[in-house]
Amino acid sequence: MKPFKTYKPAGTKEPYGTYVHALEVPAGARTIYISGQIPVAPDGTVPKTMTEQARICWGNIESILQEAGLTTAHLVQVSMYLTDRSLYQEADSVSAEFLKNHRTAAACYEVSSLIEDDWLIEVDAIAAVVDE
């Protein structure tokens, strides 16, 4: 896999979390759009903590990528939707577990609620790969 070009313009502050300011995907890249992944376990249960919920969302993303023959290193954009911004560090820590040293373009939004009252997080993503 060819690495994606990232940008950090002079005079900009270092990113606040596990992301880069911008990332360039070359023309002709294969792109996978991952719908918002919700914190519901395969048995239908929803854990109570942000960490557990985020791990389910990220585990789903990882599974989708694997089915497409990709890894989290192919992610180019991630958006997290949190119902409580005070839980951002917990959510970002789980992101770091799955992303390891890879960084994407990213956004994080505090939302008033998600579809179910007990959901604390939803994560969507975009992956890309350039055939070498």
Protein backbone atom coordinates (compact mmCIF):
# COMPACT_ATOMS: atom_id res chain seq x y z
CA MET A 1 0.00 0.00 0.00
CA LYS A 2 1.30 3.43 -0.90
CA PRO A 3 1.14 5.88 2.01
CA PHE A 4 -1.26 8.78 1.73
CA LYS A 5 0.14 12.28 1.65
CA THR A 6 -0.73 14.23 4.80
CA TYR A 7 -0.66 17.97 5.40
CA LYS A 8 0.28 20.08 8.41
CA PRO A 9 0.50 23.68 7.28
CA ALA A 10 3.05 25.92 8.97
CA GLY A 11 1.47 27.90 11.76
CA THR A 12 -1.23 25.35 12.60
CA LYS A 13 -1.47 23.75 16.02
CA GLU A 14 -0.73 20.04 16.32
CA PRO A 15 -3.91 17.94 16.06
CA TYR A 16 -5.81 17.49 19.32
CA GLY A 17 -6.28 13.74 18.96
CA THR A 18 -5.67 10.79 16.68
CA TYR A 19 -5.89 12.60 13.36
CA VAL A 20 -4.05 14.74 10.79
CA HIS A 21 -5.12 18.13 9.44
CA ALA A 22 -5.58 16.78 5.92
CA LEU A 23 -4.91 13.66 3.92
CA GLU A 24 -4.77 13.33 0.14
CA VAL A 25 -6.25 10.31 -1.66
CA PRO A 26 -4.88 9.98 -5.19
CA ALA A 27 -7.11 9.67 -8.24
CA GLY A 28 -8.13 6.12 -9.05
CA ALA A 29 -8.11 4.91 -5.45
CA ARG A 30 -10.58 2.19 -4.46
CA THR A 31 -12.85 3.77 -1.82
CA ILE A 32 -14.98 2.09 0.86
CA TYR A 33 -17.61 4.19 2.68
CA ILE A 34 -18.42 2.71 6.09
CA SER A 35 -21.82 3.62 7.51
CA GLY A 36 -22.18 4.76 11.09
CA GLN A 37 -21.31 1.82 13.32
CA ILE A 38 -23.40 1.56 16.45
CA PRO A 39 -22.48 0.23 19.90
CA VAL A 40 -24.72 -2.85 19.82
CA ALA A 41 -23.06 -6.22 20.46
CA PRO A 42 -23.94 -9.20 18.22
CA ASP A 43 -26.24 -10.51 20.97
CA GLY A 44 -28.18 -7.23 20.92
CA THR A 45 -26.85 -5.86 24.18
CA VAL A 46 -25.42 -2.37 24.64
CA PRO A 47 -22.59 -1.98 27.17
CA LYS A 48 -22.83 0.89 29.63
CA THR A 49 -19.39 2.50 29.26
CA MET A 50 -17.98 4.63 26.47
CA THR A 51 -14.88 2.42 26.25
CA GLU A 52 -16.92 -0.75 25.71
CA GLN A 53 -19.28 0.93 23.26
CA ALA A 54 -16.41 2.45 21.27
CA ARG A 55 -14.71 -0.96 21.07
CA ILE A 56 -17.84 -2.45 19.50
CA CYS A 57 -18.02 0.38 16.93
CA TRP A 58 -14.32 0.06 16.08
CA GLY A 59 -14.52 -3.75 16.04
CA ASN A 60 -17.30 -3.49 13.46
CA ILE A 61 -15.19 -1.12 11.35
CA GLU A 62 -12.24 -3.48 11.57
CA SER A 63 -14.45 -6.43 10.50
CA ILE A 64 -15.84 -4.50 7.53
CA LEU A 65 -12.33 -3.55 6.45
CA GLN A 66 -11.13 -7.14 6.76
CA GLU A 67 -14.02 -8.36 4.62
CA ALA A 68 -12.96 -5.79 1.99
CA GLY A 69 -9.34 -7.01 2.21
CA LEU A 70 -8.21 -3.86 4.04
CA THR A 71 -7.00 -2.79 7.49
CA THR A 72 -7.36 0.31 9.64
CA ALA A 73 -4.20 1.58 7.90
CA HIS A 74 -6.43 2.18 4.86
CA LEU A 75 -8.75 4.57 6.71
CA VAL A 76 -8.60 8.14 5.42
CA GLN A 77 -11.53 9.76 7.31
CA VAL A 78 -13.22 8.99 10.62
CA SER A 79 -16.13 10.79 12.26
CA MET A 80 -17.26 10.14 15.82
CA TYR A 81 -20.60 11.25 17.20
CA LEU A 82 -20.68 11.45 21.00
CA THR A 83 -23.62 12.23 23.27
CA ASP A 84 -21.28 13.58 25.98
CA ARG A 85 -18.13 15.46 25.02
CA SER A 86 -16.63 14.83 28.46
CA LEU A 87 -16.17 11.22 27.26
CA TYR A 88 -14.05 12.26 24.26
CA GLN A 89 -10.74 11.08 25.78
CA GLU A 90 -12.20 7.60 26.39
CA ALA A 91 -13.49 7.41 22.82
CA ASP A 92 -10.23 8.71 21.38
CA SER A 93 -8.21 6.21 23.43
CA VAL A 94 -10.15 3.37 21.82
CA SER A 95 -9.57 4.95 18.40
CA ALA A 96 -5.85 4.94 19.15
CA GLU A 97 -5.99 1.22 20.10
CA PHE A 98 -7.38 0.35 16.66
CA LEU A 99 -5.46 2.91 14.60
CA LYS A 100 -2.12 2.32 16.34
CA ASN A 101 0.28 4.84 14.71
CA HIS A 102 -1.93 5.48 11.66
CA ARG A 103 -3.64 8.89 11.49
CA THR A 104 -6.66 9.93 9.42
CA ALA A 105 -8.54 13.11 8.70
CA ALA A 106 -11.20 13.20 11.41
CA ALA A 107 -14.06 15.02 13.05
CA CYS A 108 -15.81 14.57 16.37
CA TYR A 109 -19.27 15.92 17.08
CA GLU A 110 -21.24 16.22 20.27
CA VAL A 111 -24.84 15.38 19.45
CA SER A 112 -27.90 15.77 21.66
CA SER A 113 -28.78 12.12 21.19
CA LEU A 114 -28.42 9.10 18.94
CA ILE A 115 -31.23 6.80 17.77
CA GLU A 116 -31.32 4.84 21.04
CA ASP A 117 -31.05 6.56 24.43
CA ASP A 118 -28.34 4.22 25.73
CA TRP A 119 -25.99 4.74 22.78
CA LEU A 120 -23.07 7.02 23.71
CA ILE A 121 -21.19 6.83 20.38
CA GLU A 122 -21.50 6.15 16.68
CA VAL A 123 -18.51 6.03 14.30
CA ASP A 124 -18.42 6.24 10.50
CA ALA A 125 -15.37 6.05 8.27
CA ILE A 126 -13.95 6.14 4.77
CA ALA A 127 -11.14 3.85 3.61
CA ALA A 128 -9.12 3.99 0.42
CA VAL A 129 -6.42 1.96 -1.25
CA VAL A 130 -4.30 2.58 -4.30
CA ASP A 131 -3.36 -0.55 -6.19
CA GLU A 132 0.39 -0.63 -6.66
